[in-house]
């Protein structure tokens, strides 16, 4: 069969010129994810691609096609149309019931992708593939009932990945909110101090601040829950002191951001360092941090200093690149690799310190991004060690660090488990996909 037998390419869709509608830019397509990361409202100017839920978007320009930027549209309201980059090819299933999901996975099939890449035309660095070229792709495809089963089966894996991502985002939101309240805004400590001034119960005031409940609600708590809340409150100081950052809890201290951990910058690699056979270990750049190991990842067999070796559960911080999209803190679960320049590997002595620094950097990221923006050249910016030494932060004492153990480490670990599970699921999906589409694996009745 040819793809044109089951697919309508760039189908006719109508959006009135001048109307605001959801817009999808190329950056919203991840390299290894089915779902579009985000949309925003934009006036339709009369050009660009138009699509709806159920369509597949395939990036047709280098390097996005080679990097695997492909998405299935599922983020719109029923009946809603969106528009997007002119560098998308829109694929619509002629028989949605059988082929809507199958077409998306077929576009991720290495045999199809190699075919599309091999038919790119244009000047170096701006090559594109035409939709008419991929419409001619011909191969043996499963019967439509089998295509439906394949699409449904692989969809279950991506649905689980999407659900894990939602859980991870919720856990991150909870943890970051808690971190800001306790270690930045100092809400429990301030509640204690204010209660003492008013002649009220400081512990009860702090319990109310932490739980968000009234005094009456707390009185009705089960004894175990009330004891746990009281134990948490006891870890916050009852007094404050003056500091260069203003009033802070007594016993806590002020240090620079750079002193919160050991920040090891990655090393640089040259063209002669790369392995043509992809032997050795992968070189981890910002692209790998954001999208994982890909066919574009470079490898090296060179001897590299051990301090640049990264492994699962390491914490990494990219400090250079496009400020809005590159500066970020990452948990790494992609296996062993060598750390490239422009990324810090963050070494800590304890789990409590690691989790504290992770959420501290998350909180400070808007400030760090602003610093990088002010140093932009040709669209790129960076944060230096000198910048990190100038940023002062509050560090809790030993009792305060126990709060990390009690509340933040469980959230951090649950979030990490979601990410690790997604790595396994994605690997299983990518292993099964070519075997299912090629017919090497079939579903038994």
Protein backbone atom coordinates (compact mmCIF):
# COMPACT_ATOMS: atom_id res chain seq x y z
CA UNK A 1 0.00 0.00 0.00
CA UNK A 2 0.96 3.64 -0.46
CA UNK A 3 0.36 6.02 2.44
CA UNK A 4 -1.99 8.02 0.24
CA UNK A 5 -4.39 5.08 0.42
CA UNK A 6 -5.03 5.60 4.13
CA UNK A 7 -4.02 9.28 4.64
CA UNK A 8 -5.25 12.67 3.45
CA UNK A 9 -2.27 15.05 3.44
CA UNK A 10 -2.77 18.70 4.45
CA UNK A 11 -6.58 18.40 4.28
CA UNK A 12 -8.58 21.53 3.54
CA UNK A 13 -9.62 23.30 6.75
CA UNK A 14 -11.15 26.75 7.12
CA UNK A 15 -10.19 29.39 9.69
CA UNK A 16 -11.36 32.93 8.98
CA UNK A 17 -8.49 35.34 8.40
CA UNK A 18 -8.07 37.66 11.38
CA UNK A 19 -9.69 35.22 13.82
CA UNK A 20 -7.86 34.25 17.00
CA UNK A 21 -7.38 30.50 17.26
CA UNK A 22 -5.06 28.08 19.10
CA UNK A 23 -1.57 28.15 17.59
CA UNK A 24 1.11 25.44 17.73
CA UNK A 25 4.73 26.39 17.12
CA UNK A 26 7.54 23.95 16.37
CA UNK A 27 8.93 24.23 19.91
CA UNK A 28 5.66 22.77 21.26
CA UNK A 29 6.50 19.39 19.67
CA UNK A 30 8.81 17.23 21.76
CA UNK A 31 11.21 14.77 20.18
CA UNK A 32 9.99 11.72 22.07
CA UNK A 33 6.46 12.58 23.16
CA UNK A 34 3.12 12.11 21.44
CA UNK A 35 1.41 15.13 22.98
CA UNK A 36 1.75 18.82 22.12
CA UNK A 37 3.38 20.61 25.05
CA UNK A 38 1.39 23.83 24.84
CA UNK A 39 -0.70 26.10 22.61
CA UNK A 40 -1.40 29.82 22.67
CA UNK A 41 -3.96 32.04 21.02
CA UNK A 42 -2.82 33.81 17.86
CA UNK A 43 -4.52 35.66 15.05
CA UNK A 44 -4.72 33.62 11.85
CA UNK A 45 -3.04 35.60 9.06
CA UNK A 46 -4.19 33.41 6.21
CA UNK A 47 -1.14 31.14 5.95
CA UNK A 48 0.18 28.12 7.80
CA UNK A 49 -1.15 24.67 8.54
CA UNK A 50 -4.63 24.01 9.96
CA UNK A 51 -5.61 20.94 11.96
CA UNK A 52 -7.96 19.44 14.52
CA UNK A 53 -7.98 16.68 17.14
CA UNK A 54 -6.99 13.32 15.68
CA UNK A 55 -4.59 14.75 13.09
CA UNK A 56 -0.88 13.96 13.15
CA UNK A 57 1.69 16.77 12.80
CA UNK A 58 4.99 15.83 11.20
CA UNK A 59 7.90 18.30 11.17
CA UNK A 60 9.24 18.47 7.61
CA UNK A 61 12.34 20.65 8.05
CA UNK A 62 15.86 19.81 9.21
CA UNK A 63 16.82 19.14 11.99
CA UNK A 64 13.29 18.77 13.39
CA UNK A 65 12.40 15.83 11.11
CA UNK A 66 15.62 14.00 11.96
CA UNK A 67 15.05 14.70 15.67
CA UNK A 68 11.63 13.05 15.55
CA UNK A 69 9.32 16.00 16.15
CA UNK A 70 5.93 14.38 15.58
CA UNK A 71 2.70 14.85 17.54
CA UNK A 72 -0.88 13.66 17.60
CA UNK A 73 -3.31 16.53 18.13
CA UNK A 74 -5.49 15.86 21.18
CA UNK A 75 -5.42 19.16 23.09
CA UNK A 76 -8.23 21.08 21.36
CA UNK A 77 -11.88 21.50 22.28
CA UNK A 78 -14.40 19.36 20.35
CA UNK A 79 -14.82 20.77 16.87
CA UNK A 80 -12.09 23.37 17.38
CA UNK A 81 -9.53 24.13 14.66
CA UNK A 82 -5.97 25.27 15.31
CA UNK A 83 -3.23 26.63 13.10
CA UNK A 84 0.51 26.22 13.25
CA UNK A 85 3.93 26.35 11.68
CA UNK A 86 4.24 26.18 7.92
CA UNK A 87 6.91 23.55 8.59
CA UNK A 88 4.31 20.94 9.61
CA UNK A 89 2.79 18.32 7.35
CA UNK A 90 -0.75 17.49 8.52
CA UNK A 91 -1.86 13.87 8.15
CA UNK A 92 -5.54 12.93 8.51
CA UNK A 93 -6.76 9.34 8.62
CA UNK A 94 -9.24 8.50 5.87
CA UNK A 95 -10.77 5.99 8.28
CA UNK A 96 -10.26 7.50 11.76
CA UNK A 97 -11.68 4.49 13.58
CA UNK A 98 -8.93 2.26 12.23
CA UNK A 99 -6.03 4.54 11.45
CA UNK A 100 -6.05 7.70 13.58
CA UNK A 101 -3.59 6.32 16.14
CA UNK A 102 -1.86 3.98 13.71
CA UNK A 103 -0.81 6.88 11.45
CA UNK A 104 0.88 8.69 14.32
CA UNK A 105 2.93 5.61 15.20
CA UNK A 106 3.70 4.88 11.57
CA UNK A 107 5.27 8.38 11.40
CA UNK A 108 7.55 7.34 14.25
CA UNK A 109 8.57 4.13 12.46
CA UNK A 110 12.28 4.23 11.63
CA UNK A 111 11.68 2.83 8.13
CA UNK A 112 9.25 5.65 7.27
CA UNK A 113 11.42 8.31 8.90
CA UNK A 114 14.51 7.20 6.98
CA UNK A 115 12.46 7.33 3.78
CA UNK A 116 11.30 10.90 4.55
CA UNK A 117 14.78 12.08 5.51
CA UNK A 118 16.20 10.60 2.31
CA UNK A 119 13.84 12.75 0.23
CA UNK A 120 14.61 16.10 1.80
CA UNK A 121 15.56 18.84 -0.64
CA UNK A 122 17.01 22.35 -0.41
CA UNK A 123 20.14 24.10 0.73
CA UNK A 124 22.21 22.78 3.61
CA UNK A 125 20.60 23.54 6.98
CA UNK A 126 17.21 24.40 5.44
CA UNK A 127 16.23 21.13 3.83
CA UNK A 128 12.58 20.06 3.74
CA UNK A 129 10.58 17.07 2.62
CA UNK A 130 7.48 17.64 0.49
CA UNK A 131 4.22 15.93 1.46
CA UNK A 132 3.92 14.49 -2.05
CA UNK A 133 7.19 12.62 -1.53
CA UNK A 134 6.08 10.89 1.66
CA UNK A 135 2.65 10.17 0.17
CA UNK A 136 4.50 7.84 -2.21
CA UNK A 137 5.95 5.79 0.65
CA UNK A 138 4.97 2.21 -0.09
CA UNK A 139 5.21 -0.88 2.08
CA UNK A 140 3.24 -3.84 3.34
CA UNK A 141 0.82 -2.56 5.95
CA UNK A 142 -1.33 -4.66 8.29
CA UNK A 143 -5.02 -5.08 7.54
CA UNK A 144 -7.17 -2.31 8.99
CA UNK A 145 -8.43 -4.34 11.99
CA UNK A 146 -4.80 -5.13 12.83
CA UNK A 147 -3.89 -1.44 12.37
CA UNK A 148 -6.60 -0.53 14.84
CA UNK A 149 -5.21 -2.99 17.41
CA UNK A 150 -1.67 -1.71 16.94
CA UNK A 151 -2.70 1.91 17.35
CA UNK A 152 -4.82 1.14 20.41
CA UNK A 153 -2.08 -0.94 22.07
CA UNK A 154 0.65 1.67 21.62
CA UNK A 155 -1.77 4.42 22.63
CA UNK A 156 -2.20 2.77 26.04
CA UNK A 157 1.52 3.16 26.66
CA UNK A 158 1.52 6.84 25.68
CA UNK A 159 -1.63 7.44 27.74
CA UNK A 160 0.17 6.04 30.78
CA UNK A 161 3.17 8.27 30.06
CA UNK A 162 0.86 11.30 29.76
CA UNK A 163 -0.84 10.40 33.05
CA UNK A 164 2.52 10.04 34.79
CA UNK A 165 3.49 13.46 33.45
CA UNK A 166 0.35 14.98 34.96
CA UNK A 167 1.07 13.32 38.31
CA UNK A 168 4.66 14.58 38.15
CA UNK A 169 3.50 18.14 37.41
CA UNK A 170 1.04 18.04 40.32
CA UNK A 171 3.71 16.75 42.70
CA UNK A 172 6.14 19.43 41.50
CA UNK A 173 3.53 22.13 42.07
CA UNK A 174 2.77 20.90 45.59
CA UNK A 175 6.46 20.62 46.50
CA UNK A 176 7.41 24.02 45.10
CA UNK A 177 4.46 25.68 46.86
CA UNK A 178 5.47 24.05 50.14
CA UNK A 179 9.14 25.00 49.66
CA UNK A 180 8.31 28.65 48.97
CA UNK A 181 5.97 28.89 51.98
CA UNK A 182 8.41 27.28 54.42
CA UNK A 183 11.87 28.33 53.23
CA UNK A 184 11.33 31.54 51.26
CA UNK A 185 8.24 33.28 52.69
CA UNK A 186 8.86 31.69 56.13
CA UNK A 187 5.11 31.52 56.82
CA UNK A 188 5.21 29.14 59.83
CA UNK A 189 7.93 31.15 61.59
CA UNK A 190 6.17 34.46 60.93
CA UNK A 191 2.93 32.98 62.25
CA UNK A 192 4.67 32.00 65.48
CA UNK A 193 6.18 35.46 65.95
CA UNK A 194 2.90 37.26 65.20
CA UNK A 195 1.02 35.01 67.63
CA UNK A 196 3.55 35.72 70.41
CA UNK A 197 3.14 39.47 69.88
CA UNK A 198 -0.65 39.12 70.11
CA UNK A 199 -0.46 36.88 73.17
CA UNK A 200 -1.84 33.89 71.26
CA UNK A 201 -0.63 30.27 71.00
CA UNK A 202 2.41 30.29 68.62
CA UNK A 203 2.24 26.57 67.91
CA UNK A 204 -1.44 26.67 67.06
CA UNK A 205 -0.86 29.65 64.78
CA UNK A 206 1.91 27.78 62.95
CA UNK A 207 -0.26 24.66 62.71
CA UNK A 208 -2.98 26.77 61.10
CA UNK A 209 -0.46 28.30 58.67
CA UNK A 210 0.91 24.90 57.62
CA UNK A 211 -2.41 23.07 57.32
CA UNK A 212 -4.53 25.93 56.00
CA UNK A 213 -7.16 24.95 58.55
CA UNK A 214 -8.91 26.85 61.33
CA UNK A 215 -8.26 26.24 65.02
CA UNK A 216 -11.60 24.44 65.23
CA UNK A 217 -10.68 22.18 62.32
CA UNK A 218 -7.38 21.28 63.98
CA UNK A 219 -9.15 20.40 67.24
CA UNK A 220 -11.21 17.89 65.27
CA UNK A 221 -8.17 16.23 63.69
CA UNK A 222 -7.42 12.63 64.59
CA UNK A 223 -4.79 12.48 67.33
CA UNK A 224 -2.15 10.98 65.01
CA UNK A 225 -2.62 13.70 62.40
CA UNK A 226 -2.55 16.37 65.08
CA UNK A 227 0.65 14.93 66.59
CA UNK A 228 2.32 14.87 63.16
CA UNK A 229 1.38 18.48 62.54
CA UNK A 230 2.64 19.54 65.96
CA UNK A 231 5.93 17.68 65.38
CA UNK A 232 6.37 19.56 62.10
CA UNK A 233 5.71 22.90 63.78
CA UNK A 234 8.33 22.15 66.44
CA UNK A 235 11.02 22.04 63.75
CA UNK A 236 10.51 25.74 62.96
CA UNK A 237 12.35 28.30 65.14
CA UNK A 238 10.39 30.46 67.58
CA UNK A 239 12.63 33.50 67.12
CA UNK A 240 13.97 35.65 64.30
CA UNK A 241 17.13 37.68 63.80
CA UNK A 242 18.43 40.43 61.55
CA UNK A 243 20.43 39.52 58.44
CA UNK A 244 21.51 41.05 55.14
CA UNK A 245 18.28 39.63 53.68
CA UNK A 246 16.16 41.08 56.48
CA UNK A 247 14.59 39.09 59.31
CA UNK A 248 15.30 35.34 59.15
CA UNK A 249 14.70 32.45 61.60
CA UNK A 250 17.20 32.26 64.45
CA UNK A 251 19.74 29.50 63.84
CA UNK A 252 19.34 29.67 60.06
CA UNK A 253 22.08 31.32 57.98
CA UNK A 254 22.79 33.22 54.77
CA UNK A 255 25.15 31.83 52.13
CA UNK A 256 25.62 32.29 48.40
CA UNK A 257 23.82 30.07 45.93
CA UNK A 258 27.19 28.76 44.77
CA UNK A 259 27.93 27.50 48.30
CA UNK A 260 24.79 25.36 48.50
CA UNK A 261 26.43 22.43 46.66
CA UNK A 262 29.40 21.47 44.49
CA UNK A 263 28.73 22.68 40.94
CA UNK A 264 30.85 20.79 38.40
CA UNK A 265 30.78 22.29 34.91
CA UNK A 266 30.89 19.86 31.98
CA UNK A 267 33.80 19.55 29.58
CA UNK A 268 34.04 20.44 25.89
CA UNK A 269 34.21 17.94 23.04
CA UNK A 270 35.57 18.44 19.53
CA UNK A 271 34.54 16.76 16.28
CA UNK A 272 37.49 14.37 16.48
CA UNK A 273 36.23 13.14 19.86
CA UNK A 274 33.00 11.72 18.44
CA UNK A 275 32.62 8.02 17.66
CA UNK A 276 31.32 7.39 14.14
CA UNK A 277 29.95 4.01 15.25
CA UNK A 278 28.19 5.43 18.33
CA UNK A 279 30.47 3.41 20.59
CA UNK A 280 31.40 4.37 24.12
CA UNK A 281 29.16 6.62 26.18
CA UNK A 282 26.75 9.35 25.01
CA UNK A 283 27.66 13.01 25.37
CA UNK A 284 24.91 14.71 27.31
CA UNK A 285 24.06 18.16 25.99
CA UNK A 286 21.01 20.32 26.65
CA UNK A 287 19.13 18.51 23.87
CA UNK A 288 19.56 15.21 25.74
CA UNK A 289 18.45 16.79 29.02
CA UNK A 290 15.23 17.96 27.40
CA UNK A 291 14.42 15.00 25.14
CA UNK A 292 16.63 12.07 26.16
CA UNK A 293 19.06 10.03 24.09
CA UNK A 294 18.17 10.22 20.38
CA UNK A 295 19.62 9.19 17.00
CA UNK A 296 21.30 12.62 16.93
CA UNK A 297 23.12 12.03 20.23
CA UNK A 298 26.90 11.91 19.81
CA UNK A 299 29.12 9.33 21.51
CA UNK A 300 32.76 9.16 22.46
CA UNK A 301 35.20 6.39 23.37
CA UNK A 302 37.74 8.91 24.71
CA UNK A 303 39.10 8.78 28.22
CA UNK A 304 37.31 11.54 30.14
CA UNK A 305 37.86 12.65 33.73
CA UNK A 306 35.61 10.80 36.15
CA UNK A 307 34.09 13.97 37.55
CA UNK A 308 32.27 14.44 34.21
CA UNK A 309 30.56 11.05 34.37
CA UNK A 310 26.84 11.27 35.04
CA UNK A 311 24.47 8.47 36.01
CA UNK A 312 20.84 7.92 36.91
CA UNK A 313 19.45 10.17 39.66
CA UNK A 314 22.09 12.86 39.15
CA UNK A 315 20.87 16.46 39.32
CA UNK A 316 21.90 18.72 36.44
CA UNK A 317 21.49 22.43 35.80
CA UNK A 318 21.87 23.95 32.34
CA UNK A 319 23.20 27.50 32.72
CA UNK A 320 23.67 28.63 29.12
CA UNK A 321 21.61 28.87 25.95
CA UNK A 322 18.28 30.44 25.11
CA UNK A 323 17.18 31.78 28.54
CA UNK A 324 13.48 30.91 28.23
CA UNK A 325 13.96 27.37 26.90
CA UNK A 326 17.42 26.14 27.97
CA UNK A 327 17.97 27.28 31.57
CA UNK A 328 16.46 24.58 33.75
CA UNK A 329 17.09 22.05 36.53
CA UNK A 330 16.86 18.38 35.56
CA UNK A 331 16.72 14.98 37.20
CA UNK A 332 18.70 12.62 34.98
CA UNK A 333 17.47 9.06 34.33
CA UNK A 334 19.08 8.37 30.95
CA UNK A 335 21.90 6.10 32.13
CA UNK A 336 25.62 6.80 32.12
CA UNK A 337 27.05 9.52 29.92
CA UNK A 338 29.63 12.29 29.71
CA UNK A 339 28.62 15.81 30.73
CA UNK A 340 29.02 18.47 28.07
CA UNK A 341 29.96 22.07 28.79
CA UNK A 342 27.27 24.63 29.74
CA UNK A 343 25.74 22.16 32.21
CA UNK A 344 26.48 21.85 35.93
CA UNK A 345 26.44 18.49 37.66
CA UNK A 346 25.30 19.24 41.21
CA UNK A 347 26.97 17.14 43.89
CA UNK A 348 25.59 17.11 47.44
CA UNK A 349 26.55 15.27 50.61
CA UNK A 350 23.04 14.27 51.71
CA UNK A 351 19.65 13.58 50.19
CA UNK A 352 18.19 16.46 52.21
CA UNK A 353 20.74 18.86 50.71
CA UNK A 354 20.06 17.55 47.19
CA UNK A 355 16.29 18.02 47.47
CA UNK A 356 16.66 21.45 49.08
CA UNK A 357 18.97 22.68 46.30
CA UNK A 358 16.69 21.22 43.61
CA UNK A 359 13.64 23.18 44.79
CA UNK A 360 15.76 26.24 45.57
CA UNK A 361 17.00 26.36 41.96
CA UNK A 362 13.44 25.81 40.73
CA UNK A 363 12.33 28.81 42.79
CA UNK A 364 15.26 30.96 41.62
CA UNK A 365 14.91 30.04 37.95
CA UNK A 366 12.99 33.22 36.95
CA UNK A 367 15.78 35.31 38.52
CA UNK A 368 18.48 33.23 36.82
CA UNK A 369 16.68 33.51 33.47
CA UNK A 370 16.52 37.30 33.86
CA UNK A 371 20.28 37.39 34.53
CA UNK A 372 20.88 35.34 31.39
CA UNK A 373 18.59 37.57 29.34
CA UNK A 374 20.63 40.63 30.29
CA UNK A 375 23.72 38.95 28.85
CA UNK A 376 22.17 37.77 25.61
CA UNK A 377 24.23 37.74 22.44
CA UNK A 378 22.66 36.36 19.25
CA UNK A 379 19.72 35.07 21.30
CA UNK A 380 21.84 33.18 23.84
CA UNK A 381 22.51 34.03 27.48
CA UNK A 382 24.25 32.51 30.45
CA UNK A 383 24.62 32.52 34.24
CA UNK A 384 28.18 32.59 35.57
CA UNK A 385 29.73 31.36 38.80
CA UNK A 386 30.17 35.02 39.75
CA UNK A 387 26.40 35.51 39.38
CA UNK A 388 25.71 32.52 41.61
CA UNK A 389 28.12 33.87 44.23
CA UNK A 390 26.24 37.18 44.28
CA UNK A 391 22.85 35.54 44.89
CA UNK A 392 22.27 35.11 48.64
CA UNK A 393 19.89 32.49 50.02
CA UNK A 394 18.57 31.35 53.40
CA UNK A 395 19.68 27.92 54.62
CA UNK A 396 17.82 26.14 57.46
CA UNK A 397 19.55 24.61 60.48
CA UNK A 398 19.64 20.87 61.21
CA UNK A 399 16.10 20.86 62.62
CA UNK A 400 14.91 22.77 59.58
CA UNK A 401 16.53 20.21 57.30
CA UNK A 402 14.37 17.55 58.95
CA UNK A 403 11.42 19.27 57.29
CA UNK A 404 12.94 18.25 53.95
CA UNK A 405 12.99 14.63 55.12
CA UNK A 406 9.42 14.71 56.42
CA UNK A 407 7.68 16.48 53.55
CA UNK A 408 9.77 17.26 50.47
CA UNK A 409 11.75 14.04 49.97
CA UNK A 410 8.58 11.90 49.63
CA UNK A 411 7.22 14.31 46.99
CA UNK A 412 10.60 14.41 45.22
CA UNK A 413 10.84 10.60 45.15
CA UNK A 414 7.28 10.10 43.88
CA UNK A 415 7.98 12.58 41.11
CA UNK A 416 11.21 10.79 40.24
CA UNK A 417 9.40 7.45 40.13
CA UNK A 418 7.01 8.84 37.51
CA UNK A 419 9.93 9.97 35.35
CA UNK A 420 11.76 6.66 35.73
CA UNK A 421 8.64 4.70 34.86
CA UNK A 422 8.19 6.84 31.75
CA UNK A 423 11.74 6.02 30.63
CA UNK A 424 10.90 2.30 30.80
CA UNK A 425 7.55 2.73 29.08
CA UNK A 426 9.04 4.81 26.26
CA UNK A 427 11.76 2.21 25.71
CA UNK A 428 9.17 -0.58 25.56
CA UNK A 429 7.03 1.43 23.13
CA UNK A 430 9.96 2.23 20.85
CA UNK A 431 11.07 -1.42 20.86
CA UNK A 432 7.62 -2.79 20.05
CA UNK A 433 6.59 -0.14 17.51
CA UNK A 434 8.70 -1.22 14.48
CA UNK A 435 7.99 -4.90 15.11
CA UNK A 436 4.24 -4.33 15.22
CA UNK A 437 4.02 -2.07 12.17
CA UNK A 438 6.28 -4.30 10.07
CA UNK A 439 4.21 -7.37 10.96
CA UNK A 440 7.01 -9.17 12.81
CA UNK A 441 4.72 -9.19 15.83
CA UNK A 442 0.98 -9.81 15.55
CA UNK A 443 -1.85 -9.94 18.05
CA UNK A 444 -3.25 -13.38 18.78
CA UNK A 445 -7.02 -13.71 18.71
